[in-house]
C-alpha atoms as a PDB file:
ATOM      1  CA  MET A   1      59.239  88.775  49.899  1.00  0.00           C
ATOM      2  CA  GLU A   2      55.633  89.280  49.132  1.00  0.00           C
ATOM      3  CA  PHE A   3      54.124  86.616  46.933  1.00  0.00           C
ATOM      4  CA  ARG A   4      52.458  89.199  44.591  1.00  0.00           C
ATOM      5  CA  LYS A   5      55.876  90.645  43.865  1.00  0.00           C
ATOM      6  CA  LEU A   6      57.363  87.170  43.284  1.00  0.00           C
ATOM      7  CA  VAL A   7      54.505  86.416  40.738  1.00  0.00           C
ATOM      8  CA  SER A   8      54.916  89.808  38.909  1.00  0.00           C
ATOM      9  CA  ASP A   9      58.637  89.350  38.716  1.00  0.00           C
ATOM     10  CA  TYR A  10      59.073  85.738  37.773  1.00  0.00           C
ATOM     11  CA  LEU A  11      55.867  84.362  36.299  1.00  0.00           C
ATOM     12  CA  PRO A  12      56.220  86.071  32.885  1.00  0.00           C
ATOM     13  CA  ASN A  13      59.783  84.672  32.380  1.00  0.00           C
ATOM     14  CA  ALA A  14      58.571  81.240  33.546  1.00  0.00           C
ATOM     15  CA  VAL A  15      55.685  81.174  31.011  1.00  0.00           C
ATOM     16  CA  VAL A  16      57.973  82.274  28.121  1.00  0.00           C
ATOM     17  CA  ALA A  17      60.486  79.489  29.117  1.00  0.00           C
ATOM     18  CA  ALA A  18      57.772  76.881  29.494  1.00  0.00           C
ATOM     19  CA  THR A  19      56.319  77.886  26.139  1.00  0.00           C
ATOM     20  CA  ILE A  20      59.644  77.419  24.527  1.00  0.00           C
ATOM     21  CA  PHE A  21      60.135  73.974  26.117  1.00  0.00           C
ATOM     22  CA  THR A  22      56.660  72.905  25.274  1.00  0.00           C
ATOM     23  CA  LEU A  23      56.966  73.937  21.608  1.00  0.00           C
ATOM     24  CA  TYR A  24      60.410  72.156  21.296  1.00  0.00           C
ATOM     25  CA  ASN A  25      58.824  68.940  22.710  1.00  0.00           C
ATOM     26  CA  THR A  26      55.790  69.296  20.351  1.00  0.00           C
ATOM     27  CA  TYR A  27      58.117  69.959  17.369  1.00  0.00           C
ATOM     28  CA  THR A  28      60.233  66.964  18.098  1.00  0.00           C
ATOM     29  CA  GLY A  29      57.302  64.710  18.529  1.00  0.00           C
ATOM     30  CA  GLU A  30      57.855  63.822  22.127  1.00  0.00           C
ATOM     31  CA  ILE A  31      54.335  64.974  23.027  1.00  0.00           C
ATOM     32  CA  ALA A  32      51.327  65.134  20.664  1.00  0.00           C
ATOM     33  CA  ASP A  33      48.217  64.717  22.893  1.00  0.00           C
ATOM     34  CA  PRO A  34      46.616  68.062  23.807  1.00  0.00           C
ATOM     35  CA  VAL A  35      46.085  66.993  27.347  1.00  0.00           C
ATOM     36  CA  THR A  36      49.742  66.033  27.694  1.00  0.00           C
ATOM     37  CA  ILE A  37      50.809  69.337  26.148  1.00  0.00           C
ATOM     38  CA  GLY A  38      48.688  71.267  28.703  1.00  0.00           C
ATOM     39  CA  VAL A  39      50.078  69.085  31.625  1.00  0.00           C
ATOM     40  CA  GLU A  40      53.700  69.529  30.427  1.00  0.00           C
ATOM     41  CA  PHE A  41      53.213  73.235  30.003  1.00  0.00           C
ATOM     42  CA  ILE A  42      51.782  73.687  33.482  1.00  0.00           C
ATOM     43  CA  SER A  43      54.404  71.508  35.019  1.00  0.00           C
ATOM     44  CA  TYR A  44      57.207  73.444  33.303  1.00  0.00           C
ATOM     45  CA  VAL A  45      55.703  76.648  34.457  1.00  0.00           C
ATOM     46  CA  ILE A  46      55.572  75.612  38.048  1.00  0.00           C
ATOM     47  CA  ALA A  47      59.091  74.118  37.960  1.00  0.00           C
ATOM     48  CA  ILE A  48      60.673  77.104  36.320  1.00  0.00           C
ATOM     49  CA  PHE A  49      58.790  79.543  38.603  1.00  0.00           C
ATOM     50  CA  ILE A  50      60.001  77.742  41.746  1.00  0.00           C
ATOM     51  CA  GLY A  51      63.523  77.672  40.206  1.00  0.00           C
ATOM     52  CA  PHE A  52      63.544  81.319  39.715  1.00  0.00           C
ATOM     53  CA  ILE A  53      62.406  81.931  43.369  1.00  0.00           C
ATOM     54  CA  VAL A  54      65.107  79.641  44.695  1.00  0.00           C
ATOM     55  CA  ILE A  55      68.039  80.483  42.488  1.00  0.00           C
ATOM     56  CA  THR A  56      67.681  84.299  42.097  1.00  0.00           C
ATOM     57  CA  PRO A  57      68.523  85.189  45.740  1.00  0.00           C
ATOM     58  CA  ILE A  58      71.397  82.729  45.771  1.00  0.00           C
ATOM     59  CA  LEU A  59      72.818  84.334  42.522  1.00  0.00           C
ATOM     60  CA  LYS A  60      72.301  87.811  44.003  1.00  0.00           C
ATOM     61  CA  LYS A  61      74.253  86.929  46.991  1.00  0.00           C
ATOM     62  CA  ALA A  62      77.033  85.304  45.138  1.00  0.00           C
ATOM     63  CA  PHE A  63      77.535  88.172  42.762  1.00  0.00           C
ATOM     64  CA  SER A  64      77.221  90.879  45.444  1.00  0.00           C
ATOM     65  CA  SER A  65      79.991  89.223  47.319  1.00  0.00           C
ATOM     66  CA  LEU A  66      82.186  89.400  44.156  1.00  0.00           C
ATOM     67  CA  THR A  67      81.709  93.110  43.656  1.00  0.00           C
ATOM     68  CA  THR A  68      82.546  94.089  47.165  1.00  0.00           C
END
């Protein structure tokens, strides 16, 4: 799959999920330093984006075998 398509498909979802996790961690007081917040946000975006790329084809294959 082309990298541009992967970015356009999964990056917005990863950013939204990372924002939710970062806001939760900020709300609970686990992180308070602006640099730490930025690093946590970027690491969440990368991890979730890679997770979407890896897990989505596996789920598509699993659910396609159930329907046929």
